[in-house]
Amino acid sequence: MTQVVVTVMPKEGVLDPQGQAVRGALAQLGFGGVGEVRIGKRIELAIEGDDPGGQAREMCEQLLANALIEDYRVEVTG
């Protein structure tokens, strides 16, 4: 089994209401020096086979990421 980490983030220019809400809450708590906040997700997978990175990319294209509004990064960690 090979460990793979997939990071999915909103594309640049796509509205991120969750990130905006967190930025506003941080400002209310006194953290005024925070710029843009973007919220994404991290997915950890244990994948069998010869090409775990390729398999993870296929999973992203079919299920894990919405290609219209999200970018993803696949990292084979071990």
C-alpha atoms as a PDB file:
ATOM      1  CA  MET A   1       0.000   0.000   0.000  1.00  0.00           C
ATOM      2  CA  THR A   2       1.238   3.437  -0.931  1.00  0.00           C
ATOM      3  CA  GLN A   3       0.159   6.514   0.981  1.00  0.00           C
ATOM      4  CA  VAL A   4      -1.183   9.347  -1.163  1.00  0.00           C
ATOM      5  CA  VAL A   5      -2.333  12.779  -0.007  1.00  0.00           C
ATOM      6  CA  VAL A   6      -4.768  14.757  -2.158  1.00  0.00           C
ATOM      7  CA  THR A   7      -5.269  18.450  -1.431  1.00  0.00           C
ATOM      8  CA  VAL A   8      -8.366  20.040  -2.968  1.00  0.00           C
ATOM      9  CA  MET A   9      -8.737  23.834  -2.982  1.00  0.00           C
ATOM     10  CA  PRO A  10     -11.107  26.296  -4.611  1.00  0.00           C
ATOM     11  CA  LYS A  11      -9.731  27.666  -7.876  1.00  0.00           C
ATOM     12  CA  GLU A  12      -8.353  31.198  -7.862  1.00  0.00           C
ATOM     13  CA  GLY A  13     -11.180  33.637  -8.507  1.00  0.00           C
ATOM     14  CA  VAL A  14     -13.882  31.266  -7.245  1.00  0.00           C
ATOM     15  CA  LEU A  15     -15.922  32.635  -4.357  1.00  0.00           C
ATOM     16  CA  ASP A  16     -15.043  30.877  -1.089  1.00  0.00           C
ATOM     17  CA  PRO A  17     -17.820  31.777   1.383  1.00  0.00           C
ATOM     18  CA  GLN A  18     -16.407  29.512   4.086  1.00  0.00           C
ATOM     19  CA  GLY A  19     -13.015  31.228   3.810  1.00  0.00           C
ATOM     20  CA  GLN A  20     -14.683  34.653   3.962  1.00  0.00           C
ATOM     21  CA  ALA A  21     -16.612  33.645   7.076  1.00  0.00           C
ATOM     22  CA  VAL A  22     -13.428  32.447   8.789  1.00  0.00           C
ATOM     23  CA  ARG A  23     -11.610  35.667   7.829  1.00  0.00           C
ATOM     24  CA  GLY A  24     -14.460  37.740   9.306  1.00  0.00           C
ATOM     25  CA  ALA A  25     -14.474  35.697  12.517  1.00  0.00           C
ATOM     26  CA  LEU A  26     -10.697  36.066  12.858  1.00  0.00           C
ATOM     27  CA  ALA A  27     -11.029  39.842  12.461  1.00  0.00           C
ATOM     28  CA  GLN A  28     -13.692  39.901  15.188  1.00  0.00           C
ATOM     29  CA  LEU A  29     -11.303  37.999  17.451  1.00  0.00           C
ATOM     30  CA  GLY A  30      -8.652  40.663  16.933  1.00  0.00           C
ATOM     31  CA  PHE A  31      -6.613  39.022  14.170  1.00  0.00           C
ATOM     32  CA  GLY A  32      -6.893  41.980  11.808  1.00  0.00           C
ATOM     33  CA  GLY A  33      -3.726  41.277   9.840  1.00  0.00           C
ATOM     34  CA  VAL A  34      -5.158  38.227   8.065  1.00  0.00           C
ATOM     35  CA  GLY A  35      -5.569  38.556   4.307  1.00  0.00           C
ATOM     36  CA  GLU A  36      -7.374  36.105   2.091  1.00  0.00           C
ATOM     37  CA  VAL A  37      -8.522  32.851   3.702  1.00  0.00           C
ATOM     38  CA  ARG A  38      -9.281  29.831   1.539  1.00  0.00           C
ATOM     39  CA  ILE A  39     -10.717  26.611   2.924  1.00  0.00           C
ATOM     40  CA  GLY A  40     -10.005  23.287   1.246  1.00  0.00           C
ATOM     41  CA  LYS A  41      -9.835  19.630   2.102  1.00  0.00           C
ATOM     42  CA  ARG A  42      -7.095  17.050   2.594  1.00  0.00           C
ATOM     43  CA  ILE A  43      -7.785  13.448   1.647  1.00  0.00           C
ATOM     44  CA  GLU A  44      -5.399  10.664   2.713  1.00  0.00           C
ATOM     45  CA  LEU A  45      -5.541   7.427   0.742  1.00  0.00           C
ATOM     46  CA  ALA A  46      -3.769   4.070   0.961  1.00  0.00           C
ATOM     47  CA  ILE A  47      -3.648   2.759  -2.605  1.00  0.00           C
ATOM     48  CA  GLU A  48      -2.412  -0.566  -4.009  1.00  0.00           C
ATOM     49  CA  GLY A  49      -0.925  -0.940  -7.463  1.00  0.00           C
ATOM     50  CA  ASP A  50       1.873   0.269  -9.710  1.00  0.00           C
ATOM     51  CA  ASP A  51       0.660   3.860 -10.198  1.00  0.00           C
ATOM     52  CA  PRO A  52      -0.963   5.151  -7.010  1.00  0.00           C
ATOM     53  CA  GLY A  53      -0.517   8.780  -8.067  1.00  0.00           C
ATOM     54  CA  GLY A  54      -2.249   8.135 -11.370  1.00  0.00           C
ATOM     55  CA  GLN A  55      -5.055   6.295  -9.631  1.00  0.00           C
ATOM     56  CA  ALA A  56      -5.506   9.184  -7.212  1.00  0.00           C
ATOM     57  CA  ARG A  57      -5.674  11.664 -10.127  1.00  0.00           C
ATOM     58  CA  GLU A  58      -8.393   9.535 -11.749  1.00  0.00           C
ATOM     59  CA  MET A  59     -10.282   9.512  -8.434  1.00  0.00           C
ATOM     60  CA  CYS A  60     -10.064  13.309  -8.323  1.00  0.00           C
ATOM     61  CA  GLU A  61     -11.346  13.658 -11.875  1.00  0.00           C
ATOM     62  CA  GLN A  62     -14.276  11.324 -11.215  1.00  0.00           C
ATOM     63  CA  LEU A  63     -15.239  12.028  -7.596  1.00  0.00           C
ATOM     64  CA  LEU A  64     -12.933  13.818  -5.178  1.00  0.00           C
ATOM     65  CA  ALA A  65     -12.740  17.251  -6.854  1.00  0.00           C
ATOM     66  CA  ASN A  66     -15.162  19.351  -8.855  1.00  0.00           C
ATOM     67  CA  ALA A  67     -13.039  20.359 -11.874  1.00  0.00           C
ATOM     68  CA  LEU A  68     -15.233  23.397 -12.547  1.00  0.00           C
ATOM     69  CA  ILE A  69     -14.467  25.134  -9.257  1.00  0.00           C
ATOM     70  CA  GLU A  70     -11.619  23.220  -7.580  1.00  0.00           C
ATOM     71  CA  ASP A  71      -7.966  22.467  -8.211  1.00  0.00           C
ATOM     72  CA  TYR A  72      -6.226  19.479  -6.680  1.00  0.00           C
ATOM     73  CA  ARG A  73      -2.697  18.370  -5.918  1.00  0.00           C
ATOM     74  CA  VAL A  74      -1.653  14.721  -5.550  1.00  0.00           C
ATOM     75  CA  GLU A  75       1.364  13.872  -3.398  1.00  0.00           C
ATOM     76  CA  VAL A  76       2.677  10.300  -3.115  1.00  0.00           C
ATOM     77  CA  THR A  77       4.144  10.173   0.398  1.00  0.00           C
ATOM     78  CA  GLY A  78       5.253   6.619   0.875  1.00  0.00           C
END
